[in-house]
Amino acid sequence: MICAAIGMLCFIGIYGVKVLDFTNVGWLFDNDHDLRQHFIAWCRYRSDPWTFPIGLIESLSWPNKMSVIYTDSIPVFAVIFKILGPALPKTFQYFGLFGLVSFMLTGGFAAILLRRFVSSDISCMIGSVFYIISSTIIHRMYYHTALAAQWIVIAALVLWVYDDLIASDRRRIIYWGLMGFICVGIHSYFLPMAGMILAASVLMQYFRKKIILTGIFEFVSFSAAGLFNLFILGAFTGGTSPTGFGLGTFNSNLNTFINPWEIGKLLPRLPLSNYFQYEGMAYLGAGILLLFVVVALGMVFRMVRKVPEEAFHQDAVIGRVTAALVVFSFVFAVLPNISFNDVQILWIPYPQIVEKILGIFRSNGRLIWPAMYILMTAAISFTAYTFRRYVYVGVIVLAGALMLQITDFSDAFAQRHELYTADHPTYTPWDDPLLAGYTDGKSEFIFLYTDNDLTMPTAYYGYFHDMKQNNYYFARDIEEKVREGIEKYYTELSEGIVRNDAVYVMRMEDYENARDLIDRLDVDMTQMFDHVIFVKR
């Protein structure tokens, strides 16, 4: 609970309190492209009628339905606040609350994880801060917001390392089922991460007790709960392909643990093979790297002085399984494009069927996170072990390393504090009074192209004016379906049919190509930026 409170203080210190105002939405709208996607999609999900499956949105890609899973709007929060929607103000956001809860859960679970290996409560408290402010959380929070819930990975590690202390097999099966359900409820990319940790837990059960049946039930529980949540949230509805393109582009670089990228400032920033390798960023931080140096020096000192080693942990199996998990996590995140800095060493081709399956998690660089947190845990735990006879010396070393870590990340903290404590306007191009006559009394925006330039601000405007649209930006595109719909709209226009309740939007280049067709129609037209807007006269 103390470390959860520390997580709360860290969150407020970095992001301030304005983001916790449920009616403050400017910082969400006037921000990163993906963050706008998450927030605006939640607004439309909230305003749409209930369906089954319960996670479907119909007003963003009308007449096609898409699951809230594919908008990264944190499905479990989206559903809860949709239920509460009638009692909430029209302008409402839960992303600030989600960030606060994530920081607190990260602190709490990190303390529990460390307490398995570290006897000092103070060391656990100090160590928990390394997790709370990890480079991955700072990078993802309010960018790919749901992925900042790194407490899920840490909680899975807790289930693993405390496996032998959970006396009831039934309880372990239930816990892993809840884990599978929660993974989908936050972000489905946590499924393979928790899954590989579950595999490590099952291996340990086998090596310790030669028990495999309980592990099978745990896998069944985990998988069934995840699939059930995917089903009720509508992941399998609408014919959306779960496979994305670009496998091997969104992977980890071999330098990932030492590359500060845009988070750290004390070490030199290293190049990447391509820009999208930021997806596999897992910078440990100068403080954690220093702890590894301290641990290595301690090992050398004990070897020179011939100090007899004590067992770090009573269960030797955990060391071997841990090493295997780190290797698996690292290899899976790095393949198929093995590169160091900006040099591509090797690209391993996958068979087409394998590439299609792995394409479900095309940003495979994210799968480096279990390895990252295991290495972080090892650095802190072995530091405490090194100074086990002088606990307060170990506390001082950990505190000094934490100060170094905070210094390393200080610029990133300052940038975020400045951004999220400032006031941000909420404005869409459609709020221009000159366009009021084009939207009054209309119920639909029809985009006659598939780009996503105006779709998000249009969706937000439509949220307040009860107007649906045919195109939006999703994590898994349905461009072919949208294109088919656009062809139907063009067919209608060629037959002289202009919908009374629609606002048509096209790019200037589309208008130039279809000028003869549009000019024959009885429509009012105006220009907005590089777009042509027209409605039935």
Protein backbone atom coordinates (compact mmCIF):
# COMPACT_ATOMS: atom_id res chain seq x y z
CA MET A 1 0.00 0.00 0.00
CA ILE A 2 2.90 2.34 0.72
CA CYS A 3 4.38 1.65 -2.71
CA ALA A 4 0.97 2.17 -4.34
CA ALA A 5 0.91 5.57 -2.60
CA ILE A 6 4.41 6.25 -3.94
CA GLY A 7 3.05 5.43 -7.40
CA MET A 8 0.28 7.99 -6.90
CA LEU A 9 2.79 10.67 -5.88
CA CYS A 10 5.01 9.87 -8.87
CA PHE A 11 2.04 10.16 -11.23
CA ILE A 12 0.96 13.53 -9.84
CA GLY A 13 4.55 14.76 -9.83
CA ILE A 14 4.96 13.95 -13.53
CA TYR A 15 1.49 14.59 -14.98
CA GLY A 16 -0.05 16.97 -12.44
CA VAL A 17 -3.66 16.93 -11.27
CA LYS A 18 -5.42 18.56 -14.21
CA VAL A 19 -5.54 15.25 -16.07
CA LEU A 20 -7.58 13.85 -13.16
CA ASP A 21 -10.40 16.28 -13.85
CA PHE A 22 -13.00 14.09 -15.56
CA THR A 23 -14.31 17.06 -17.56
CA ASN A 24 -10.89 18.27 -18.71
CA VAL A 25 -10.51 16.85 -22.22
CA GLY A 26 -8.39 19.47 -23.96
CA TRP A 27 -5.14 17.67 -23.15
CA LEU A 28 -6.51 14.55 -24.83
CA PHE A 29 -7.80 16.27 -27.93
CA ASP A 30 -4.89 18.66 -28.45
CA ASN A 31 -2.23 15.95 -28.25
CA ASP A 32 -0.79 12.89 -29.97
CA HIS A 33 -2.66 11.36 -32.91
CA ASP A 34 -3.12 8.01 -31.15
CA LEU A 35 -4.32 9.58 -27.90
CA ARG A 36 -7.04 11.44 -29.80
CA GLN A 37 -8.03 8.15 -31.40
CA HIS A 38 -8.48 6.49 -27.99
CA PHE A 39 -10.47 9.33 -26.47
CA ILE A 40 -12.74 10.17 -29.40
CA ALA A 41 -13.52 6.50 -30.05
CA TRP A 42 -14.57 6.15 -26.40
CA CYS A 43 -16.91 9.13 -26.85
CA ARG A 44 -18.58 7.48 -29.85
CA TYR A 45 -18.72 4.10 -28.12
CA ARG A 46 -20.43 5.74 -25.19
CA SER A 47 -23.05 7.45 -27.35
CA ASP A 48 -23.84 4.41 -29.51
CA PRO A 49 -26.66 2.04 -28.49
CA TRP A 50 -25.80 -1.20 -26.69
CA THR A 51 -25.27 -4.21 -28.94
CA PHE A 52 -24.11 -7.76 -28.53
CA PRO A 53 -21.21 -8.29 -28.50
CA ILE A 54 -21.08 -5.36 -26.09
CA GLY A 55 -17.90 -3.72 -27.40
CA LEU A 56 -19.10 -2.64 -30.85
CA ILE A 57 -19.03 0.90 -32.24
CA GLU A 58 -21.24 1.61 -35.25
CA SER A 59 -21.07 5.40 -35.66
CA LEU A 60 -17.40 5.60 -36.72
CA SER A 61 -17.39 3.34 -39.77
CA TRP A 62 -21.08 3.26 -40.66
CA PRO A 63 -22.53 0.88 -41.72
CA ASN A 64 -19.63 -1.33 -40.59
CA LYS A 65 -19.22 -2.08 -36.89
CA MET A 66 -15.86 -2.18 -35.16
CA SER A 67 -14.84 -3.34 -31.70
CA VAL A 68 -13.60 -0.88 -29.11
CA ILE A 69 -10.63 -3.24 -28.85
CA TYR A 70 -9.36 -1.84 -32.15
CA THR A 71 -9.40 1.75 -30.89
CA ASP A 72 -7.14 1.04 -27.86
CA SER A 73 -9.67 2.84 -25.66
CA ILE A 74 -9.00 0.53 -22.66
CA PRO A 75 -12.06 -1.71 -23.16
CA VAL A 76 -12.75 -2.50 -19.49
CA PHE A 77 -12.86 1.22 -18.62
CA ALA A 78 -14.89 1.96 -21.75
CA VAL A 79 -17.55 -0.60 -20.80
CA ILE A 80 -17.71 0.47 -17.14
CA PHE A 81 -18.13 4.14 -17.99
CA LYS A 82 -20.59 3.40 -20.79
CA ILE A 83 -22.75 1.72 -18.15
CA LEU A 84 -22.39 4.83 -15.98
CA GLY A 85 -22.84 7.09 -19.02
CA PRO A 86 -26.39 8.34 -18.30
CA ALA A 87 -25.19 9.77 -14.97
CA LEU A 88 -22.05 11.39 -16.42
CA PRO A 89 -21.60 14.77 -18.09
CA LYS A 90 -21.40 14.82 -21.88
CA THR A 91 -17.78 15.96 -21.70
CA PHE A 92 -16.05 13.20 -19.77
CA GLN A 93 -12.76 11.28 -19.83
CA TYR A 94 -11.31 8.46 -17.73
CA PHE A 95 -7.75 8.44 -19.08
CA GLY A 96 -6.36 10.50 -16.22
CA LEU A 97 -7.85 8.06 -13.73
CA PHE A 98 -6.46 5.13 -15.70
CA GLY A 99 -2.97 6.62 -15.53
CA LEU A 100 -3.20 7.14 -11.79
CA VAL A 101 -4.50 3.61 -11.18
CA SER A 102 -1.76 2.14 -13.39
CA PHE A 103 1.01 3.95 -11.50
CA MET A 104 -0.43 2.81 -8.18
CA LEU A 105 -0.84 -0.82 -9.25
CA THR A 106 2.67 -0.81 -10.70
CA GLY A 107 4.08 0.34 -7.37
CA GLY A 108 2.06 -2.19 -5.40
CA PHE A 109 2.84 -5.22 -7.55
CA ALA A 110 6.52 -4.22 -7.85
CA ALA A 111 6.82 -4.21 -4.05
CA ILE A 112 5.23 -7.67 -3.86
CA LEU A 113 7.56 -8.97 -6.57
CA LEU A 114 10.69 -7.59 -4.93
CA ARG A 115 9.65 -8.84 -1.47
CA ARG A 116 10.03 -12.41 -2.79
CA PHE A 117 13.78 -11.84 -3.09
CA VAL A 118 14.59 -8.84 -0.89
CA SER A 119 14.26 -8.98 2.91
CA SER A 120 14.43 -5.23 3.54
CA ASP A 121 11.11 -3.36 3.30
CA ILE A 122 12.93 -0.09 2.69
CA SER A 123 14.85 -1.63 -0.21
CA CYS A 124 11.55 -2.88 -1.64
CA MET A 125 10.06 0.60 -1.39
CA ILE A 126 13.02 2.20 -3.11
CA GLY A 127 13.15 -0.56 -5.70
CA SER A 128 9.47 -0.19 -6.56
CA VAL A 129 10.10 3.32 -7.89
CA PHE A 130 12.32 1.92 -10.65
CA TYR A 131 9.25 0.07 -11.98
CA ILE A 132 6.86 2.99 -11.48
CA ILE A 133 8.99 5.33 -13.57
CA SER A 134 10.30 2.74 -16.01
CA SER A 135 11.19 4.07 -19.44
CA THR A 136 8.45 1.95 -20.99
CA ILE A 137 5.72 3.42 -18.80
CA ILE A 138 6.92 6.98 -19.35
CA HIS A 139 7.13 6.37 -23.09
CA ARG A 140 3.68 4.78 -23.41
CA MET A 141 1.56 6.75 -20.99
CA TYR A 142 -0.74 9.02 -23.01
CA TYR A 143 0.73 7.81 -26.29
CA HIS A 144 -0.28 4.16 -26.48
CA THR A 145 -2.08 4.69 -23.19
CA ALA A 146 -3.35 1.17 -22.54
CA LEU A 147 0.17 -0.24 -22.97
CA ALA A 148 1.32 1.87 -20.03
CA ALA A 149 -0.47 -0.66 -17.80
CA GLN A 150 2.85 -2.43 -17.24
CA TRP A 151 1.55 -3.63 -13.87
CA ILE A 152 -0.03 -6.50 -15.82
CA VAL A 153 3.41 -7.87 -16.74
CA ILE A 154 4.63 -7.36 -13.17
CA ALA A 155 1.50 -9.02 -11.74
CA ALA A 156 2.09 -12.03 -14.00
CA LEU A 157 5.66 -12.22 -12.66
CA VAL A 158 4.22 -12.12 -9.13
CA LEU A 159 1.93 -15.07 -9.91
CA TRP A 160 4.92 -16.95 -11.24
CA VAL A 161 7.45 -16.40 -8.44
CA TYR A 162 4.83 -16.96 -5.71
CA ASP A 163 3.51 -20.07 -7.42
CA ASP A 164 4.85 -22.42 -4.74
CA LEU A 165 3.20 -20.37 -1.99
CA ILE A 166 -0.26 -20.61 -3.53
CA ALA A 167 -1.40 -23.77 -1.83
CA SER A 168 -4.53 -24.41 -3.87
CA ASP A 169 -4.31 -25.57 -7.49
CA ARG A 170 -7.84 -24.28 -7.98
CA ARG A 171 -6.81 -20.82 -6.84
CA ARG A 172 -3.87 -20.72 -9.29
CA ILE A 173 -6.18 -21.74 -12.13
CA ILE A 174 -8.62 -18.94 -11.21
CA TYR A 175 -5.80 -16.38 -10.90
CA TRP A 176 -4.46 -17.15 -14.37
CA GLY A 177 -7.99 -17.04 -15.78
CA LEU A 178 -8.41 -13.56 -14.33
CA MET A 179 -5.05 -12.64 -15.84
CA GLY A 180 -6.20 -13.67 -19.33
CA PHE A 181 -9.45 -11.73 -18.93
CA ILE A 182 -7.67 -8.59 -17.68
CA CYS A 183 -5.09 -8.69 -20.48
CA VAL A 184 -7.83 -8.38 -23.11
CA GLY A 185 -9.71 -5.85 -21.01
CA ILE A 186 -6.71 -3.51 -21.08
CA HIS A 187 -4.77 -4.37 -24.24
CA SER A 188 -4.53 -7.71 -26.05
CA TYR A 189 -0.75 -7.37 -26.52
CA PHE A 190 -0.40 -8.30 -22.86
CA LEU A 191 -1.72 -11.80 -23.68
CA PRO A 192 1.53 -13.19 -25.19
CA MET A 193 3.61 -11.52 -22.47
CA ALA A 194 1.57 -13.01 -19.64
CA GLY A 195 1.38 -16.26 -21.62
CA MET A 196 5.15 -16.70 -21.74
CA ILE A 197 5.35 -15.99 -18.01
CA LEU A 198 2.64 -18.60 -17.42
CA ALA A 199 4.73 -21.04 -19.47
CA ALA A 200 7.67 -20.38 -17.14
CA SER A 201 5.41 -21.06 -14.15
CA VAL A 202 4.25 -24.35 -15.65
CA LEU A 203 7.85 -25.37 -16.35
CA MET A 204 8.77 -24.71 -12.74
CA GLN A 205 5.88 -26.87 -11.54
CA TYR A 206 7.12 -29.67 -13.74
CA PHE A 207 10.77 -29.42 -12.70
CA ARG A 208 9.89 -29.16 -9.02
CA LYS A 209 7.06 -31.64 -8.63
CA LYS A 210 6.76 -33.37 -12.01
CA ILE A 211 3.23 -31.97 -12.17
CA ILE A 212 1.89 -31.01 -15.59
CA LEU A 213 -1.90 -31.39 -15.36
CA THR A 214 -2.39 -28.29 -13.20
CA GLY A 215 -0.33 -26.29 -15.67
CA ILE A 216 -2.52 -27.46 -18.54
CA PHE A 217 -5.61 -26.32 -16.63
CA GLU A 218 -3.95 -22.95 -16.00
CA PHE A 219 -3.29 -22.54 -19.72
CA VAL A 220 -6.87 -23.53 -20.53
CA SER A 221 -8.22 -21.08 -17.97
CA PHE A 222 -5.95 -18.27 -19.21
CA SER A 223 -6.75 -18.87 -22.89
CA ALA A 224 -10.48 -19.45 -22.41
CA ALA A 225 -10.89 -16.29 -20.34
CA GLY A 226 -8.97 -14.24 -22.91
CA LEU A 227 -10.97 -15.65 -25.83
CA PHE A 228 -14.24 -15.12 -23.96
CA ASN A 229 -13.41 -11.46 -23.35
CA LEU A 230 -12.38 -11.03 -26.98
CA PHE A 231 -15.73 -12.49 -28.01
CA ILE A 232 -17.93 -10.37 -25.75
CA LEU A 233 -16.02 -7.23 -26.77
CA GLY A 234 -16.62 -8.00 -30.45
CA ALA A 235 -13.10 -8.77 -31.64
CA PHE A 236 -14.44 -11.46 -33.98
CA THR A 237 -17.31 -9.35 -35.35
CA GLY A 238 -17.26 -7.41 -38.60
CA GLY A 239 -14.76 -9.58 -40.48
CA THR A 240 -11.77 -7.57 -39.31
CA SER A 241 -8.48 -9.40 -39.83
CA PRO A 242 -6.46 -9.63 -36.60
CA THR A 243 -3.27 -9.79 -38.64
CA GLY A 244 -1.36 -6.60 -39.34
CA PHE A 245 1.38 -5.95 -41.84
CA GLY A 246 4.97 -5.03 -41.06
CA LEU A 247 6.23 -7.96 -39.00
CA GLY A 248 9.95 -7.34 -38.54
CA THR A 249 9.58 -3.57 -38.76
CA PHE A 250 8.21 -3.06 -35.24
CA ASN A 251 10.78 -5.23 -33.46
CA SER A 252 13.50 -4.65 -30.87
CA ASN A 253 17.02 -3.57 -31.66
CA LEU A 254 19.88 -5.47 -30.03
CA ASN A 255 20.80 -2.22 -28.27
CA THR A 256 17.39 -1.91 -26.60
CA PHE A 257 18.49 -2.23 -22.96
CA ILE A 258 21.16 0.46 -23.23
CA ASN A 259 19.60 2.82 -25.78
CA PRO A 260 18.01 5.82 -23.99
CA TRP A 261 16.14 6.78 -27.15
CA GLU A 262 13.97 9.79 -26.22
CA ILE A 263 13.72 9.04 -22.49
CA GLY A 264 17.22 9.07 -20.98
CA LYS A 265 19.73 11.89 -21.23
CA LEU A 266 22.90 10.59 -19.54
CA LEU A 267 23.89 7.98 -22.12
CA PRO A 268 24.32 8.70 -25.83
CA ARG A 269 21.28 8.00 -27.97
CA LEU A 270 21.93 5.09 -30.31
CA PRO A 271 20.54 4.79 -33.85
CA LEU A 272 17.91 2.26 -34.88
CA SER A 273 17.59 0.13 -37.98
CA ASN A 274 14.30 1.90 -38.67
CA TYR A 275 12.22 4.42 -36.77
CA PHE A 276 9.50 1.94 -35.78
CA GLN A 277 11.91 -0.05 -33.63
CA TYR A 278 10.86 2.34 -30.87
CA GLU A 279 8.11 -0.27 -30.37
CA GLY A 280 10.73 -2.54 -28.81
CA MET A 281 12.31 0.11 -26.63
CA ALA A 282 13.21 -1.28 -23.18
CA TYR A 283 15.87 1.08 -21.84
CA LEU A 284 16.85 -0.03 -18.33
CA GLY A 285 18.09 3.40 -17.27
CA ALA A 286 21.43 4.62 -15.94
CA GLY A 287 20.50 3.70 -12.37
CA ILE A 288 19.72 0.05 -13.13
CA LEU A 289 22.80 -0.26 -15.33
CA LEU A 290 24.87 1.10 -12.42
CA LEU A 291 23.41 -1.58 -10.15
CA PHE A 292 24.59 -4.26 -12.58
CA VAL A 293 28.09 -2.77 -12.34
CA VAL A 294 27.87 -2.85 -8.53
CA VAL A 295 26.72 -6.47 -8.59
CA ALA A 296 29.54 -7.44 -10.96
CA LEU A 297 32.14 -5.71 -8.75
CA GLY A 298 30.72 -7.51 -5.74
CA MET A 299 31.10 -10.86 -7.49
CA VAL A 300 34.72 -10.06 -8.40
CA PHE A 301 35.43 -8.96 -4.82
CA ARG A 302 34.04 -12.20 -3.38
CA MET A 303 36.04 -14.26 -5.88
CA VAL A 304 39.27 -12.44 -5.03
CA ARG A 305 38.67 -12.68 -1.29
CA LYS A 306 37.42 -16.26 -1.71
CA VAL A 307 34.28 -15.47 0.24
CA PRO A 308 31.96 -18.50 0.18
CA GLU A 309 28.74 -17.87 -1.74
CA GLU A 310 25.38 -18.33 -0.12
CA ALA A 311 22.34 -19.46 -2.06
CA PHE A 312 20.58 -16.38 -3.41
CA HIS A 313 17.27 -18.20 -3.47
CA GLN A 314 16.29 -21.53 -1.96
CA ASP A 315 14.82 -22.74 -5.26
CA ALA A 316 17.60 -23.24 -7.82
CA VAL A 317 15.09 -24.10 -10.55
CA ILE A 318 13.91 -20.51 -10.75
CA GLY A 319 17.31 -19.38 -12.00
CA ARG A 320 17.34 -21.74 -14.97
CA VAL A 321 13.73 -21.06 -15.91
CA THR A 322 14.27 -17.31 -15.52
CA ALA A 323 17.24 -17.39 -17.87
CA ALA A 324 15.18 -19.31 -20.42
CA LEU A 325 12.32 -16.79 -20.18
CA VAL A 326 14.65 -13.81 -20.64
CA VAL A 327 16.21 -15.43 -23.71
CA PHE A 328 12.82 -16.33 -25.18
CA SER A 329 11.40 -12.85 -24.58
CA PHE A 330 14.48 -11.22 -26.09
CA VAL A 331 14.69 -13.50 -29.14
CA PHE A 332 10.97 -13.25 -29.87
CA ALA A 333 11.18 -9.44 -29.69
CA VAL A 334 14.29 -9.14 -31.88
CA LEU A 335 13.36 -11.53 -34.70
CA PRO A 336 13.06 -11.61 -37.65
CA ASN A 337 15.04 -8.41 -38.25
CA ILE A 338 18.22 -8.82 -36.22
CA SER A 339 19.96 -5.45 -36.11
CA PHE A 340 22.38 -3.55 -33.93
CA ASN A 341 22.11 0.20 -34.08
CA ASP A 342 21.41 1.06 -37.73
CA VAL A 343 23.13 -2.06 -39.11
CA GLN A 344 20.88 -4.91 -40.18
CA ILE A 345 22.75 -8.11 -39.35
CA LEU A 346 20.24 -10.68 -40.55
CA TRP A 347 16.62 -10.90 -41.65
CA ILE A 348 15.22 -14.39 -41.11
CA PRO A 349 12.35 -15.14 -43.50
CA TYR A 350 9.30 -16.81 -41.98
CA PRO A 351 7.03 -19.21 -43.88
CA GLN A 352 3.89 -17.38 -44.98
CA ILE A 353 1.63 -19.22 -42.55
CA VAL A 354 3.96 -18.43 -39.64
CA GLU A 355 4.18 -14.78 -40.66
CA LYS A 356 0.39 -14.57 -40.84
CA ILE A 357 0.00 -16.02 -37.35
CA LEU A 358 2.74 -13.88 -35.83
CA GLY A 359 1.29 -10.86 -37.62
CA ILE A 360 -1.49 -10.87 -35.02
CA PHE A 361 1.16 -9.36 -32.76
CA ARG A 362 3.12 -7.61 -35.48
CA SER A 363 4.67 -5.13 -33.01
CA ASN A 364 6.64 -8.00 -31.55
CA GLY A 365 9.24 -5.64 -30.11
CA ARG A 366 6.83 -5.07 -27.22
CA LEU A 367 7.41 -8.66 -26.13
CA ILE A 368 10.77 -7.53 -24.74
CA TRP A 369 9.04 -6.19 -21.62
CA PRO A 370 9.06 -9.42 -19.56
CA ALA A 371 12.82 -9.63 -20.08
CA MET A 372 13.18 -5.96 -19.16
CA TYR A 373 11.37 -6.33 -15.84
CA ILE A 374 13.16 -9.56 -15.00
CA LEU A 375 16.52 -7.84 -15.54
CA MET A 376 15.34 -4.91 -13.43
CA THR A 377 14.30 -7.30 -10.68
CA ALA A 378 17.65 -9.10 -10.90
CA ALA A 379 19.61 -5.84 -10.62
CA ILE A 380 17.73 -4.72 -7.50
CA SER A 381 17.61 -8.17 -5.87
CA PHE A 382 21.28 -8.99 -6.45
CA THR A 383 22.26 -5.56 -5.12
CA ALA A 384 20.36 -6.31 -1.92
CA TYR A 385 22.05 -9.75 -1.84
CA THR A 386 25.51 -8.20 -2.35
CA PHE A 387 25.03 -6.05 0.76
CA ARG A 388 23.03 -8.62 2.73
CA ARG A 389 25.35 -8.28 5.75
CA TYR A 390 25.21 -4.47 5.58
CA VAL A 391 21.58 -3.79 4.77
CA TYR A 392 21.74 -0.04 5.16
CA VAL A 393 24.69 0.15 2.80
CA GLY A 394 22.53 -1.64 0.26
CA VAL A 395 19.73 0.85 0.93
CA ILE A 396 22.11 3.74 0.30
CA VAL A 397 23.35 2.16 -2.93
CA LEU A 398 19.78 1.60 -4.16
CA ALA A 399 18.81 5.15 -3.21
CA GLY A 400 21.83 6.55 -5.04
CA ALA A 401 21.02 4.47 -8.13
CA LEU A 402 17.42 5.69 -7.99
CA MET A 403 18.58 9.31 -7.88
CA LEU A 404 20.74 8.59 -10.93
CA GLN A 405 17.73 7.01 -12.67
CA ILE A 406 15.55 10.04 -11.91
CA THR A 407 18.29 12.35 -13.19
CA ASP A 408 18.55 10.29 -16.36
CA PHE A 409 14.80 10.57 -16.99
CA SER A 410 14.39 14.13 -15.67
CA ASP A 411 14.06 15.80 -19.08
CA ALA A 412 11.32 13.36 -20.08
CA PHE A 413 9.51 14.07 -16.79
CA ALA A 414 9.80 17.82 -17.30
CA GLN A 415 8.48 17.67 -20.85
CA ARG A 416 5.45 15.69 -19.78
CA HIS A 417 4.79 17.87 -16.77
CA GLU A 418 4.80 20.97 -18.93
CA LEU A 419 2.51 19.39 -21.52
CA TYR A 420 -0.09 17.91 -19.19
CA THR A 421 -0.31 20.78 -16.72
CA ALA A 422 -0.95 23.35 -19.47
CA ASP A 423 -4.38 24.39 -20.68
CA HIS A 424 -5.41 23.04 -24.07
CA PRO A 425 -8.25 24.24 -26.29
CA THR A 426 -10.84 21.85 -27.69
CA TYR A 427 -11.70 22.85 -31.23
CA THR A 428 -12.57 21.13 -34.49
CA PRO A 429 -12.60 22.59 -38.01
CA TRP A 430 -16.37 22.08 -38.05
CA ASP A 431 -16.80 24.63 -35.27
CA ASP A 432 -16.17 27.37 -37.85
CA PRO A 433 -19.42 29.40 -38.07
CA LEU A 434 -19.09 29.45 -41.88
CA LEU A 435 -19.69 25.68 -41.89
CA ALA A 436 -22.72 25.73 -39.60
CA GLY A 437 -25.11 25.79 -42.54
CA TYR A 438 -23.58 22.64 -43.92
CA THR A 439 -24.02 20.55 -40.77
CA ASP A 440 -27.32 21.86 -39.36
CA GLY A 441 -29.95 19.17 -39.46
CA LYS A 442 -27.57 16.58 -40.91
CA SER A 443 -27.03 13.13 -39.42
CA GLU A 444 -24.09 11.75 -41.36
CA PHE A 445 -20.61 12.61 -42.66
CA ILE A 446 -19.66 10.76 -45.82
CA PHE A 447 -15.93 10.72 -46.60
CA LEU A 448 -15.34 10.03 -50.26
CA TYR A 449 -11.76 8.89 -49.63
CA THR A 450 -10.04 6.52 -47.20
CA ASP A 451 -7.37 8.76 -45.65
CA ASN A 452 -7.68 9.66 -41.96
CA ASP A 453 -6.84 13.35 -42.03
CA LEU A 454 -10.14 14.85 -40.81
CA THR A 455 -11.83 11.75 -39.47
CA MET A 456 -10.99 12.19 -35.78
CA PRO A 457 -12.00 15.84 -35.29
CA THR A 458 -15.07 15.10 -37.39
CA ALA A 459 -15.95 12.18 -35.11
CA TYR A 460 -15.65 14.43 -32.06
CA TYR A 461 -17.87 17.07 -33.63
CA GLY A 462 -20.31 14.33 -34.61
CA TYR A 463 -20.37 13.12 -31.01
CA PHE A 464 -21.93 16.40 -29.89
CA HIS A 465 -24.21 16.74 -32.93
CA ASP A 466 -25.38 13.12 -33.22
CA MET A 467 -23.77 12.58 -36.63
CA LYS A 468 -22.25 9.28 -37.71
CA GLN A 469 -19.53 8.79 -40.33
CA ASN A 470 -18.19 6.10 -42.65
CA ASN A 471 -14.43 6.25 -41.96
CA TYR A 472 -12.17 6.36 -38.91
CA TYR A 473 -8.67 5.36 -37.80
CA PHE A 474 -8.51 1.89 -36.22
CA ALA A 475 -5.65 -0.31 -35.00
CA ARG A 476 -6.71 -2.87 -37.63
CA ASP A 477 -7.92 -1.21 -40.78
CA ILE A 478 -11.08 -2.04 -42.72
CA GLU A 479 -10.04 0.02 -45.73
CA GLU A 480 -11.46 -2.43 -48.24
CA LYS A 481 -14.89 -2.26 -46.66
CA VAL A 482 -14.72 1.52 -46.46
CA ARG A 483 -13.62 1.65 -50.10
CA GLU A 484 -16.55 -0.54 -51.13
CA GLY A 485 -18.90 1.86 -49.37
CA ILE A 486 -17.31 4.85 -51.09
CA GLU A 487 -17.82 3.23 -54.48
CA LYS A 488 -21.51 2.87 -53.66
CA TYR A 489 -21.72 6.54 -52.73
CA TYR A 490 -20.07 7.50 -56.03
CA THR A 491 -22.53 5.27 -57.85
CA GLU A 492 -25.40 7.11 -56.17
CA LEU A 493 -23.92 10.46 -57.13
CA SER A 494 -23.49 9.37 -60.73
CA GLU A 495 -27.23 8.60 -60.71
CA GLY A 496 -27.98 12.06 -59.35
CA ILE A 497 -28.77 10.83 -55.84
CA VAL A 498 -27.53 13.14 -53.08
CA ARG A 499 -28.56 12.17 -49.55
CA ASN A 500 -30.59 14.85 -47.80
CA ASP A 501 -29.12 14.18 -44.36
CA ALA A 502 -25.46 13.86 -45.36
CA VAL A 503 -22.42 16.11 -45.47
CA TYR A 504 -20.05 14.92 -48.20
CA VAL A 505 -16.31 15.43 -47.72
CA MET A 506 -13.68 14.94 -50.40
CA ARG A 507 -10.11 15.98 -50.96
CA MET A 508 -9.42 18.60 -53.58
CA GLU A 509 -7.67 16.00 -55.72
CA ASP A 510 -10.79 13.82 -55.59
CA TYR A 511 -12.90 16.80 -56.61
CA GLU A 512 -10.63 17.55 -59.56
CA ASN A 513 -11.01 13.95 -60.71
CA ALA A 514 -14.78 14.00 -60.27
CA ARG A 515 -15.46 17.66 -61.11
CA ASP A 516 -17.72 16.89 -64.07
CA LEU A 517 -19.81 14.55 -61.94
CA ILE A 518 -20.12 16.85 -58.91
CA ASP A 519 -20.80 19.99 -60.95
CA ARG A 520 -23.84 18.30 -62.52
CA LEU A 521 -25.39 17.77 -59.08
CA ASP A 522 -27.69 20.22 -57.35
CA VAL A 523 -25.44 20.83 -54.34
CA ASP A 524 -23.99 23.63 -52.24
CA MET A 525 -20.21 23.49 -52.00
CA THR A 526 -17.47 25.15 -49.99
CA GLN A 527 -13.79 24.58 -49.40
CA MET A 528 -12.14 23.79 -46.06
CA PHE A 529 -8.38 23.49 -46.10
CA ASP A 530 -7.62 21.13 -48.98
CA HIS A 531 -11.11 19.63 -48.88
CA VAL A 532 -14.39 20.20 -50.67
CA ILE A 533 -17.58 20.02 -48.62
CA PHE A 534 -20.97 19.68 -50.26
CA VAL A 535 -24.56 19.01 -49.26
CA LYS A 536 -27.83 18.71 -51.11
CA ARG A 537 -29.07 22.17 -52.08
